[in-house]
Amino acid sequence: MKIPEVACKIEAYAAVNPSEDPEKVRHAVANVVLNADYQYKDGSMKATSRDLHSLAKIQETVRSRRANRVYRRQMRFNTKEDTTWFYLNKQAAYVDVVAICDEAEESPMGP
């Protein structure tokens, strides 16, 4: 499936706990949000992009696992106006695995 060219703004946030290395958290975020700008500030890692292709890794995983229903349900449930969001497991992301969480508490180290 080809990713369409659309105007968008993508933001991803990950809490950086005191026991975590900010560079390792950046690595985890970079594994799932491709070709973004990464910024660490006030205990949080932020990735920003205006290119829908930044989400290609997530799309690829959803398609390969045939998990479309799960991701769609999360995105619809969390939609407000023209914005949506979902949680990903930070530990899984660090090892290059995309794993959706229903709640932030599902990841022992936070989303």
Protein backbone atom coordinates (compact mmCIF):
# COMPACT_ATOMS: atom_id res chain seq x y z
CA MET A 1 0.00 0.00 0.00
CA LYS A 2 1.37 3.37 -0.99
CA ILE A 3 1.43 6.12 1.63
CA PRO A 4 -0.44 9.19 0.33
CA GLU A 5 1.11 12.64 0.20
CA VAL A 6 -0.98 14.67 2.65
CA ALA A 7 -0.37 17.69 4.83
CA CYS A 8 0.00 16.52 8.40
CA LYS A 9 1.77 17.14 11.67
CA ILE A 10 3.12 14.15 13.57
CA GLU A 11 4.22 14.42 17.18
CA ALA A 12 5.42 11.59 19.38
CA TYR A 13 6.24 11.94 23.06
CA ALA A 14 8.04 9.59 25.42
CA ALA A 15 8.65 10.18 29.09
CA VAL A 16 12.29 9.82 30.10
CA ASN A 17 12.36 8.39 33.60
CA PRO A 18 15.25 9.40 35.93
CA SER A 19 16.80 5.93 35.58
CA GLU A 20 16.74 6.06 31.75
CA ASP A 21 19.32 7.35 29.33
CA PRO A 22 17.70 10.05 27.13
CA GLU A 23 19.72 8.81 24.14
CA LYS A 24 18.27 5.31 24.52
CA VAL A 25 14.76 6.73 24.68
CA ARG A 26 15.51 8.76 21.54
CA HIS A 27 16.65 5.51 19.91
CA ALA A 28 13.35 3.83 20.86
CA VAL A 29 11.31 6.70 19.43
CA ALA A 30 13.45 6.82 16.28
CA ASN A 31 12.78 3.12 15.71
CA VAL A 32 9.05 3.76 15.25
CA VAL A 33 8.87 7.40 14.07
CA LEU A 34 11.23 7.61 11.11
CA ASN A 35 13.02 10.68 9.75
CA ALA A 36 11.76 13.03 12.45
CA ASP A 37 13.36 15.81 14.47
CA TYR A 38 14.05 14.66 18.04
CA GLN A 39 14.28 16.96 21.04
CA TYR A 40 14.86 16.17 24.71
CA LYS A 41 13.47 18.69 27.19
CA ASP A 42 12.21 18.57 30.77
CA GLY A 43 12.21 14.78 31.09
CA SER A 44 10.47 14.14 27.78
CA MET A 45 11.61 13.10 24.32
CA LYS A 46 9.64 14.65 21.47
CA ALA A 47 9.71 13.63 17.81
CA THR A 48 8.13 15.89 15.19
CA SER A 49 7.59 15.44 11.49
CA ARG A 50 5.38 16.76 8.70
CA ASP A 51 5.91 13.69 6.54
CA LEU A 52 3.36 10.88 6.72
CA HIS A 53 6.15 8.50 5.67
CA SER A 54 7.50 8.91 9.22
CA LEU A 55 4.79 6.44 10.25
CA ALA A 56 5.80 3.84 7.64
CA LYS A 57 7.26 1.48 10.28
CA ILE A 58 3.98 1.49 12.20
CA GLN A 59 1.95 0.96 9.01
CA GLU A 60 4.23 -1.87 7.92
CA THR A 61 3.85 -3.61 11.29
CA VAL A 62 0.08 -3.22 11.33
CA ARG A 63 -0.20 -4.75 7.87
CA SER A 64 2.24 -7.60 8.50
CA ARG A 65 0.52 -8.61 11.74
CA ARG A 66 -2.94 -8.07 10.32
CA ALA A 67 -3.71 -5.90 13.32
CA ASN A 68 -5.69 -3.27 11.42
CA ARG A 69 -8.77 -3.61 13.63
CA VAL A 70 -6.82 -3.05 16.85
CA TYR A 71 -5.06 0.08 15.58
CA ARG A 72 -8.21 1.48 13.95
CA ARG A 73 -10.17 0.95 17.15
CA GLN A 74 -7.54 2.81 19.18
CA MET A 75 -7.32 5.65 16.69
CA ARG A 76 -11.10 6.05 16.45
CA PHE A 77 -11.52 5.88 20.22
CA ASN A 78 -8.89 8.60 20.70
CA THR A 79 -10.03 10.91 17.89
CA LYS A 80 -10.86 14.52 18.66
CA GLU A 81 -11.57 16.80 15.70
CA ASP A 82 -8.72 16.14 13.25
CA THR A 83 -6.31 14.62 15.80
CA THR A 84 -5.80 11.10 17.08
CA TRP A 85 -3.26 9.30 19.27
CA PHE A 86 -2.27 5.89 20.59
CA TYR A 87 0.25 4.40 23.02
CA LEU A 88 3.24 2.31 21.97
CA ASN A 89 5.40 0.23 24.27
CA LYS A 90 8.74 1.98 24.82
CA GLN A 91 10.69 -1.19 25.67
CA ALA A 92 9.44 -2.91 22.52
CA ALA A 93 10.25 0.17 20.44
CA TYR A 94 13.83 0.11 21.71
CA VAL A 95 14.31 -3.35 20.18
CA ASP A 96 12.61 -2.22 16.94
CA VAL A 97 9.18 -3.75 17.62
CA VAL A 98 5.94 -1.80 17.29
CA ALA A 99 3.54 -2.85 20.07
CA ILE A 100 0.33 -0.93 20.77
CA CYS A 101 -0.90 -0.52 24.35
CA ASP A 102 -4.46 0.20 25.44
CA GLU A 103 -3.25 2.20 28.44
CA ALA A 104 -0.01 3.90 29.48
CA GLU A 105 0.38 1.51 32.41
CA GLU A 106 0.74 -1.51 30.09
CA SER A 107 4.38 -0.67 29.54
CA PRO A 108 6.46 -1.14 32.70
CA MET A 109 8.64 1.83 31.76
CA GLY A 110 5.79 4.00 30.50
CA PRO A 111 4.64 4.64 26.93
